[in-house]
Protein backbone atom coordinates (compact mmCIF):
# COMPACT_ATOMS: atom_id res chain seq x y z
CA MET A 1 -30.41 -21.50 -7.86
CA ASP A 2 -31.13 -25.13 -6.94
CA TRP A 3 -30.09 -25.24 -3.28
CA SER A 4 -30.68 -29.00 -3.07
CA LYS A 5 -27.78 -29.56 -5.49
CA GLU A 6 -25.53 -26.92 -3.96
CA ILE A 7 -23.64 -29.27 -1.61
CA ILE A 8 -22.68 -31.64 -4.44
CA ASP A 9 -21.84 -28.75 -6.77
CA SER A 10 -19.72 -27.14 -4.05
CA LEU A 11 -17.76 -30.35 -3.41
CA ILE A 12 -17.04 -30.69 -7.13
CA TRP A 13 -16.04 -27.02 -7.31
CA LEU A 14 -13.72 -27.39 -4.30
CA ALA A 15 -12.05 -30.49 -5.74
CA LYS A 16 -11.39 -28.81 -9.10
CA SER A 17 -10.28 -25.55 -7.49
CA MET A 18 -7.92 -27.34 -5.09
CA ALA A 19 -6.24 -29.20 -7.94
CA ILE A 20 -5.89 -26.11 -10.13
CA THR A 21 -4.72 -23.94 -7.22
CA SER A 22 -2.08 -26.47 -6.15
CA VAL A 23 -0.54 -26.54 -9.62
CA CYS A 24 -0.79 -22.80 -10.30
CA PHE A 25 0.46 -21.72 -6.88
CA SER A 26 3.42 -24.09 -7.08
CA LEU A 27 4.35 -22.63 -10.47
CA PHE A 28 3.84 -19.12 -9.08
CA VAL A 29 6.22 -19.73 -6.17
CA TRP A 30 8.75 -21.37 -8.51
CA GLY A 31 8.61 -18.31 -10.77
CA LEU A 32 9.15 -15.94 -7.85
CA VAL A 33 12.13 -17.92 -6.60
CA ARG A 34 13.56 -18.25 -10.10
CA PHE A 35 13.09 -14.71 -11.38
CA THR A 36 12.83 -12.30 -8.41
CA ALA A 37 15.36 -11.32 -5.75
CA TRP A 38 12.79 -11.21 -2.95
CA GLY A 39 11.47 -14.63 -3.99
CA ARG A 40 14.96 -16.05 -3.55
CA GLN A 41 15.21 -14.30 -0.18
CA PHE A 42 11.92 -15.87 0.92
CA TRP A 43 12.99 -19.35 -0.16
CA ALA A 44 16.39 -19.02 1.51
CA MET A 45 14.60 -18.65 4.85
CA ALA A 46 11.72 -21.08 4.17
CA GLN A 47 13.41 -23.94 2.33
CA GLY A 48 14.60 -25.76 5.43
CA TYR A 49 11.12 -25.81 6.96
CA LEU A 50 8.95 -26.43 3.90
CA THR A 51 11.07 -29.05 2.17
CA PRO A 52 9.38 -32.49 2.13
CA ARG A 53 12.75 -34.08 2.88
CA ARG A 54 12.55 -32.73 6.43
CA SER A 55 8.84 -33.34 7.03
CA ILE A 56 5.66 -33.51 4.98
CA LYS A 57 3.55 -32.06 7.82
CA PRO A 58 4.09 -28.32 7.08
CA LEU A 59 3.10 -28.74 3.43
CA ALA A 60 0.09 -30.87 4.35
CA PHE A 61 -1.02 -28.30 6.90
CA PHE A 62 -0.58 -25.49 4.39
CA ALA A 63 -2.68 -27.46 1.89
CA PHE A 64 -5.41 -27.64 4.54
CA ILE A 65 -5.25 -23.84 4.95
CA VAL A 66 -5.54 -23.46 1.16
CA PHE A 67 -8.62 -25.70 1.22
CA LEU A 68 -10.24 -23.52 3.89
CA THR A 69 -9.37 -20.41 1.86
CA LEU A 70 -11.11 -21.84 -1.20
CA LEU A 71 -14.07 -22.87 0.93
CA GLU A 72 -14.38 -19.25 2.04
CA VAL A 73 -14.51 -18.19 -1.62
CA ARG A 74 -17.19 -20.77 -2.35
CA ILE A 75 -19.30 -19.57 0.58
CA SER A 76 -18.99 -16.02 -0.78
CA LEU A 77 -20.30 -17.17 -4.16
CA ILE A 78 -23.25 -18.91 -2.53
CA HIS A 79 -23.97 -15.80 -0.50
CA SER A 80 -23.93 -13.70 -3.67
CA ASN A 81 -26.55 -15.91 -5.32
CA TRP A 82 -28.59 -15.80 -2.12
CA TYR A 83 -28.46 -11.99 -2.39
CA ASN A 84 -30.13 -12.14 -5.80
CA THR A 85 -32.88 -14.53 -4.76
CA MET A 86 -33.67 -12.66 -1.55
CA TYR A 87 -33.96 -9.20 -3.15
CA SER A 88 -35.97 -10.60 -6.05
CA SER A 89 -38.44 -12.05 -3.53
CA LEU A 90 -38.81 -8.58 -2.01
CA GLN A 91 -39.55 -7.06 -5.41
CA ASP A 92 -42.07 -9.82 -6.18
CA LEU A 93 -43.64 -9.51 -2.69
CA ASN A 94 -43.17 -13.26 -2.32
CA GLN A 95 -43.18 -13.97 1.43
CA SER A 96 -42.73 -17.71 1.05
CA VAL A 97 -39.49 -17.36 -0.90
CA PHE A 98 -38.29 -14.59 1.43
CA TRP A 99 -38.64 -16.67 4.60
CA THR A 100 -37.10 -19.66 2.87
CA GLN A 101 -34.09 -17.48 2.10
CA MET A 102 -33.86 -16.46 5.76
CA VAL A 103 -33.51 -20.14 6.68
CA VAL A 104 -30.93 -20.61 3.93
CA PHE A 105 -29.02 -17.60 5.25
CA CYS A 106 -28.74 -19.22 8.68
CA PHE A 107 -26.94 -22.19 7.12
CA ILE A 108 -24.70 -19.92 5.03
CA ALA A 109 -23.82 -17.81 8.09
CA ALA A 110 -23.12 -20.89 10.22
CA ALA A 111 -20.79 -22.29 7.55
CA ALA A 112 -19.00 -18.94 7.21
CA VAL A 113 -18.47 -18.59 10.97
CA ALA A 114 -17.26 -22.18 11.39
CA ASN A 115 -14.87 -21.82 8.46
CA ALA A 116 -13.50 -18.50 9.78
CA LEU A 117 -12.80 -19.94 13.24
CA LEU A 118 -11.20 -23.07 11.84
CA MET A 119 -9.12 -20.94 9.47
CA TYR A 120 -7.89 -18.79 12.36
CA TYR A 121 -6.82 -21.83 14.38
CA ALA A 122 -5.12 -23.50 11.42
CA GLU A 123 -3.19 -20.35 10.47
CA GLN A 124 -2.07 -19.69 14.05
CA ARG A 125 -0.90 -23.26 14.53
CA PHE A 126 1.02 -23.17 11.25
CA ARG A 127 2.60 -19.83 12.18
CA ILE A 128 3.62 -20.90 15.68
CA ASN A 129 5.22 -24.14 14.44
CA TRP A 130 7.13 -22.26 11.74
CA ILE A 131 8.28 -19.54 14.15
CA GLU A 132 9.45 -22.18 16.60
CA TRP A 133 11.51 -23.96 13.94
CA LEU A 134 12.99 -20.81 12.39
CA ASN A 135 13.86 -19.29 15.77
CA ARG A 136 15.68 -22.46 16.81
CA ASN A 137 17.44 -22.65 13.45
CA LEU A 138 18.77 -19.08 13.56
CA LEU A 139 19.61 -19.28 17.25
CA ASP A 140 21.66 -22.43 16.70
CA LYS A 141 23.54 -20.80 13.82
CA TRP A 142 24.16 -17.67 15.90
CA LEU A 143 25.60 -19.61 18.84
CA ASP A 144 27.33 -22.47 17.01
CA ASN A 145 31.00 -22.06 16.14
CA GLN A 146 30.99 -18.84 18.23
CA ALA A 147 29.45 -16.84 15.37
CA TYR A 148 28.14 -14.22 17.82
CA TYR A 149 31.72 -13.58 19.01
CA LYS A 150 33.41 -13.68 15.60
CA VAL A 151 30.98 -11.14 14.16
CA GLN A 152 31.62 -8.77 17.04
CA GLN A 153 35.39 -9.09 16.61
CA SER A 154 35.28 -8.41 12.87
CA VAL A 155 34.90 -4.73 12.00
CA GLU A 156 33.66 -5.57 8.49
CA LEU A 157 31.00 -8.05 9.63
CA ASP A 158 29.95 -6.03 12.67
CA ASN A 159 29.22 -3.02 10.44
CA LYS A 160 26.95 -5.17 8.26
CA LEU A 161 24.88 -6.44 11.19
CA ASP A 162 22.88 -4.29 13.56
CA ASN A 163 20.77 -5.58 16.42
CA PRO A 164 20.93 -9.38 16.02
CA ASP A 165 18.51 -9.69 18.94
CA GLN A 166 15.84 -7.97 16.84
CA ARG A 167 16.52 -10.25 13.88
CA ILE A 168 15.94 -13.40 15.92
CA GLN A 169 13.08 -12.19 18.10
CA GLN A 170 11.05 -9.73 16.01
CA ASP A 171 11.91 -10.24 12.35
CA VAL A 172 11.31 -13.99 12.51
CA GLN A 173 7.73 -13.40 13.66
CA HIS A 174 7.12 -10.69 11.05
CA TYR A 175 8.54 -12.88 8.30
CA VAL A 176 6.34 -15.87 9.12
CA LYS A 177 3.23 -13.76 9.67
CA HIS A 178 3.52 -11.82 6.41
CA SER A 179 4.58 -14.88 4.38
CA LEU A 180 1.41 -16.73 5.36
CA THR A 181 -0.84 -13.66 5.09
CA LEU A 182 0.40 -12.74 1.62
CA ALA A 183 0.27 -16.35 0.38
CA THR A 184 -3.33 -16.97 1.48
CA GLY A 185 -4.28 -13.48 0.32
CA VAL A 186 -2.99 -14.15 -3.19
CA ILE A 187 -4.80 -17.49 -3.35
CA ALA A 188 -8.08 -16.02 -2.08
CA SER A 189 -7.84 -13.01 -4.40
CA VAL A 190 -6.98 -14.89 -7.59
CA SER A 191 -9.60 -17.60 -7.04
CA SER A 192 -12.19 -14.92 -6.21
CA ILE A 193 -11.25 -12.90 -9.30
CA VAL A 194 -11.85 -15.90 -11.55
CA SER A 195 -15.09 -16.92 -9.82
CA PHE A 196 -16.64 -13.46 -9.55
CA THR A 197 -15.58 -12.50 -13.09
CA ILE A 198 -17.60 -15.46 -14.39
CA LEU A 199 -20.52 -14.39 -12.20
CA LEU A 200 -20.32 -10.73 -13.27
CA TRP A 201 -20.05 -11.78 -16.91
CA GLY A 202 -23.50 -13.33 -16.63
CA LEU A 203 -24.96 -10.25 -14.94
CA ALA A 204 -23.38 -7.54 -17.11
CA GLY A 205 -25.15 -6.18 -20.16
CA SER A 206 -23.94 -4.39 -23.26
CA MET A 207 -22.88 -0.74 -23.19
CA ASN A 208 -22.84 1.86 -25.95
CA VAL A 209 -19.45 3.57 -26.25
CA MET A 210 -19.22 6.26 -28.94
CA GLY A 211 -21.89 4.55 -31.02
CA VAL A 212 -20.37 1.09 -30.64
CA GLU A 213 -22.29 -1.54 -28.68
CA ILE A 214 -19.81 -3.45 -26.49
CA PRO A 215 -21.16 -6.55 -24.72
CA LYS A 216 -20.19 -7.21 -21.08
CA MET A 217 -18.48 -3.80 -20.93
CA MET A 218 -18.70 -3.62 -17.13
CA VAL A 219 -16.27 -6.54 -16.78
CA PHE A 220 -13.69 -4.82 -18.96
CA LEU A 221 -14.17 -1.51 -17.15
CA VAL A 222 -13.48 -2.93 -13.69
CA PHE A 223 -10.24 -4.56 -14.88
CA ILE A 224 -9.06 -1.37 -16.62
CA TYR A 225 -10.03 0.76 -13.63
CA VAL A 226 -8.15 -1.37 -11.10
CA LEU A 227 -5.10 -1.81 -13.37
CA ILE A 228 -4.61 1.95 -13.71
CA ALA A 229 -5.20 2.45 -9.97
CA THR A 230 -2.68 -0.29 -9.10
CA VAL A 231 0.07 1.22 -11.26
CA ILE A 232 -0.38 4.60 -9.57
CA ALA A 233 -0.55 3.01 -6.09
CA VAL A 234 2.70 1.08 -6.62
CA TRP A 235 4.40 4.29 -7.69
CA LEU A 236 3.11 6.08 -4.58
CA GLY A 237 3.93 3.23 -2.19
CA LYS A 238 7.38 2.19 -3.40
CA PRO A 239 9.31 4.53 -1.02
CA LEU A 240 7.64 2.75 1.92
CA ILE A 241 10.01 -0.22 1.47
CA ARG A 242 13.06 1.84 2.37
CA LEU A 243 11.21 3.83 5.04
CA ASN A 244 10.01 0.66 6.82
CA PHE A 245 13.51 -0.78 6.74
CA ASP A 246 14.91 2.42 8.28
CA ASN A 247 12.12 2.51 10.85
CA GLU A 248 13.13 -0.86 12.29
CA LYS A 249 16.83 0.03 12.18
CA PHE A 250 16.49 3.43 13.86
CA ASN A 251 14.21 2.08 16.60
CA ALA A 252 16.56 -0.82 17.28
CA ASP A 253 19.58 1.50 17.46
CA TYR A 254 17.76 3.79 19.87
CA ARG A 255 16.67 0.86 22.06
CA TYR A 256 20.20 -0.54 22.11
CA SER A 257 21.62 2.83 23.20
CA LEU A 258 19.14 3.01 26.06
CA ILE A 259 20.15 -0.49 27.18
CA ARG A 260 23.80 0.53 26.90
CA VAL A 261 23.25 3.37 29.40
CA LYS A 262 21.91 0.84 31.88
CA GLU A 263 24.80 -1.58 31.32
CA TYR A 264 27.49 1.10 31.69
CA ALA A 265 25.71 3.19 34.31
CA GLU A 266 28.64 3.12 36.74
CA SER A 267 31.21 4.24 34.16
CA ILE A 268 28.94 6.99 32.83
CA ALA A 269 28.27 8.28 36.33
CA PHE A 270 31.96 8.10 37.32
CA TYR A 271 33.07 10.17 34.32
CA ALA A 272 30.00 12.45 34.45
CA GLY A 273 29.14 11.42 30.91
CA GLU A 274 25.43 12.09 31.14
CA ARG A 275 25.55 15.00 28.71
CA VAL A 276 27.44 12.98 26.09
CA GLU A 277 25.05 10.04 26.37
CA GLN A 278 22.08 12.40 26.28
CA ASN A 279 23.27 13.95 23.03
CA VAL A 280 23.74 10.49 21.50
CA LEU A 281 20.24 9.44 22.55
CA TYR A 282 18.69 12.65 21.24
CA ARG A 283 20.38 12.24 17.86
CA GLN A 284 19.16 8.67 17.51
CA PHE A 285 15.66 9.55 18.69
CA ASN A 286 15.49 12.41 16.18
CA LYS A 287 16.23 9.88 13.42
CA VAL A 288 13.29 7.77 14.66
CA ILE A 289 10.92 10.75 14.68
CA GLY A 290 12.10 12.07 11.31
CA ASN A 291 11.55 8.67 9.71
CA MET A 292 8.13 8.36 11.35
CA TRP A 293 7.03 11.64 9.77
CA ASP A 294 8.35 10.48 6.39
CA ILE A 295 6.20 7.35 6.73
CA VAL A 296 3.17 9.44 7.75
CA TYR A 297 3.43 11.76 4.73
CA ARG A 298 4.00 8.90 2.31
CA THR A 299 1.14 6.85 3.82
CA LEU A 300 -1.22 9.83 3.53
CA LYS A 301 -0.60 9.91 -0.21
CA PHE A 302 -0.83 6.14 -0.57
CA SER A 303 -3.89 5.55 1.64
CA GLY A 304 -5.63 8.69 0.43
CA PHE A 305 -5.42 7.52 -3.17
CA ASN A 306 -6.68 4.04 -2.23
CA LEU A 307 -9.64 5.48 -0.33
CA VAL A 308 -10.66 7.66 -3.28
CA VAL A 309 -10.47 4.69 -5.65
CA THR A 310 -12.55 2.55 -3.28
CA GLN A 311 -15.26 5.19 -2.79
CA ILE A 312 -15.69 5.70 -6.53
CA SER A 313 -16.12 1.96 -7.02
CA VAL A 314 -19.16 1.91 -4.69
CA VAL A 315 -21.50 3.72 -7.14
CA PHE A 316 -19.75 2.62 -10.34
CA PRO A 317 -21.83 -0.55 -11.01
CA LEU A 318 -25.06 1.15 -9.95
CA LEU A 319 -24.61 3.91 -12.54
CA ILE A 320 -23.96 1.33 -15.27
CA GLN A 321 -26.82 -1.08 -14.45
CA VAL A 322 -29.52 1.36 -13.34
CA GLY A 323 -30.58 2.06 -16.95
CA ARG A 324 -31.27 -1.64 -17.55
CA TYR A 325 -33.18 -1.81 -14.25
CA PHE A 326 -35.47 1.12 -15.08
CA ALA A 327 -36.02 -0.36 -18.55
CA GLY A 328 -37.24 -3.57 -16.91
CA ASN A 329 -34.46 -5.73 -18.36
CA ILE A 330 -33.22 -6.85 -14.93
CA LYS A 331 -34.82 -7.30 -11.52
CA LEU A 332 -33.88 -5.70 -8.19
CA GLY A 333 -32.08 -8.91 -7.21
CA ASP A 334 -29.91 -8.72 -10.33
CA LEU A 335 -29.07 -5.07 -9.59
CA MET A 336 -28.14 -5.74 -5.96
CA GLN A 337 -26.12 -8.83 -6.86
CA THR A 338 -24.29 -6.85 -9.54
CA MET A 339 -23.25 -4.26 -6.97
CA GLN A 340 -22.17 -6.96 -4.53
CA VAL A 341 -20.24 -8.95 -7.14
CA PHE A 342 -18.65 -5.81 -8.57
CA GLY A 343 -17.55 -4.81 -5.07
CA ARG A 344 -16.02 -8.22 -4.40
CA LEU A 345 -14.30 -8.30 -7.78
CA HIS A 346 -12.98 -4.77 -7.33
CA GLY A 347 -11.75 -5.62 -3.83
CA ASN A 348 -9.91 -8.73 -4.98
CA LEU A 349 -8.44 -7.03 -8.04
CA SER A 350 -7.28 -4.24 -5.70
CA TYR A 351 -5.63 -6.70 -3.30
CA PHE A 352 -2.13 -6.14 -4.64
CA ARG A 353 -2.64 -2.38 -4.51
CA ASN A 354 -4.01 -2.41 -0.97
CA VAL A 355 -1.30 -4.66 0.50
CA TYR A 356 1.63 -2.86 -1.08
CA ASP A 357 2.49 -1.19 2.23
CA THR A 358 2.43 -4.62 3.90
CA PHE A 359 4.68 -5.96 1.17
CA ALA A 360 7.02 -3.00 1.70
CA SER A 361 7.38 -3.95 5.36
CA TYR A 362 7.78 -7.62 4.39
CA LYS A 363 10.55 -6.82 1.89
CA ALA A 364 12.41 -4.87 4.58
CA THR A 365 12.11 -7.87 6.91
CA LEU A 366 13.48 -10.18 4.20
CA ASP A 367 16.45 -7.87 3.69
CA ARG A 368 17.28 -7.89 7.40
CA LEU A 369 16.88 -11.65 7.90
CA THR A 370 18.86 -12.68 4.83
CA GLY A 371 21.51 -10.12 5.73
CA PHE A 372 21.71 -11.65 9.19
CA GLU A 373 22.18 -15.13 7.75
CA ARG A 374 24.83 -13.92 5.28
CA VAL A 375 26.85 -12.47 8.14
CA ILE A 376 26.57 -15.71 10.11
CA ASN A 377 27.72 -17.73 7.10
CA ALA A 378 30.63 -15.33 6.53
CA SER A 379 31.72 -15.72 10.15
CA ALA A 380 32.04 -19.47 9.62
CA ASP A 381 34.96 -18.79 7.26
CA MET A 382 36.82 -16.85 9.94
CA LYS A 383 39.60 -18.81 11.56
CA GLY A 384 39.52 -19.26 15.29
CA ILE A 385 41.56 -21.15 17.86
CA ASP A 386 40.92 -24.88 17.87
CA VAL A 387 40.90 -26.04 21.47
CA THR A 388 41.61 -29.60 22.59
CA TYR A 389 41.97 -30.56 26.23
CA HIS A 390 45.19 -32.12 27.53
CA GLU A 391 45.47 -33.83 30.88
CA THR A 392 48.56 -31.94 32.10
CA ASP A 393 50.22 -29.60 29.60
CA VAL A 394 49.21 -26.28 27.99
CA ILE A 395 50.28 -26.23 24.34
CA PHE A 396 49.98 -23.47 21.70
CA GLU A 397 50.54 -24.37 18.06
CA ASP A 398 50.65 -21.70 15.31
CA VAL A 399 48.50 -19.25 17.31
CA THR A 400 48.02 -15.83 15.65
CA VAL A 401 46.36 -12.96 17.52
CA LYS A 402 44.91 -9.97 15.63
CA THR A 403 43.01 -6.82 16.52
CA PRO A 404 39.47 -6.27 15.18
CA SER A 405 41.04 -4.10 12.47
CA ASP A 406 43.14 -7.10 11.38
CA LYS A 407 46.45 -5.86 12.83
CA VAL A 408 48.71 -8.78 13.81
CA LEU A 409 49.76 -8.77 17.47
CA ILE A 410 51.16 -12.29 17.74
CA ASP A 411 52.14 -14.33 14.68
CA LYS A 412 52.21 -18.14 14.71
CA LEU A 413 53.07 -18.65 18.36
CA ASN A 414 54.26 -22.14 19.33
CA LEU A 415 54.59 -22.79 23.06
CA SER A 416 54.50 -25.81 25.34
CA LEU A 417 54.06 -25.49 29.11
CA PRO A 418 54.38 -28.74 31.05
CA GLN A 419 52.49 -29.15 34.28
CA GLY A 420 54.08 -27.07 37.05
CA SER A 421 55.80 -24.60 34.68
CA ARG A 422 55.68 -20.86 35.25
CA LEU A 423 55.36 -18.14 32.60
CA LEU A 424 55.57 -14.38 33.07
CA ILE A 425 53.66 -12.33 30.46
């Protein structure tokens, strides 16, 4: 590798990758929004913040995060090539090349550390700004037009919404965090898959399968291996979506009941209702514990399978390439780089399998947030009393009063009370 040209080559690579990633990722998001339910849920919550009509800053900042993500991939590629050169110098007993590579490693490590710190700051700033906007947006909707009161007074809407405090405080943060994590993870994984596949293609040799010589067989094997593992992992992890949704709901219900005991402490004590409240709390807590065990058992299956797949992949490239190494067709550096590249490629191909439990939690968060917004929008259609202030008189025009179950108590009341009038109700 010509390290003197690496800076120029890296800049060209970053420019091309940034352009390709921008187009492909935009099409990817469009496809999710157009063809998947959870994509539409994501966009329903994100559209107001990410639309250029409101401000170009969020998109520009996200583009900067994408650039840093691609830079991380490029540094990984450079490190992989350094791996080859360094181990080859050990095999050749070439001290001069070895110490040169130690100096090169210092620059690679410094670039990796600087990029990681800058990436952390950029992601946190983007997250905090998004959380701030989304929290204000939902809070305004919840308080405007007395939505919080209308929902509570409607039996139908109140049954569809549990723990609005959790939606605004906790789910907003989870939504923003997982949206950014999954987005950058997809970009890093796909760009790494393309880059390391090209690299592994150059390192892989032919393989004899049932008398047929197949060139670059290792590349095909890693894709087949991960594809089969991913299908099985998705099947094992799918129940986690529902379990994570229930986990948040049961915990929120239990927390609300505990707060309720504090709020109504005097009434509970006056009527000696401790036993009743205790039974209610025990029932709700048992739901929390039961769901926690369901998550544990399902996660054991899911994580156990992933760990087995990962452990097998450690020795997989070594077993394939060791024959070529002992035959003298490749050097130690090639063998070590093959293992490193195979590991990176396997890890990135396995990204979607490994984050399925995170996606399950994310999907549950999307369901809760979009459900919260649907209830708020539905409350806007509920009729309330329009109040205008008069200097002296109290006037009622066509006032109808109903119970939460929609039973009419007063129908179209019209009443005018001049200043000084008396009314006995």
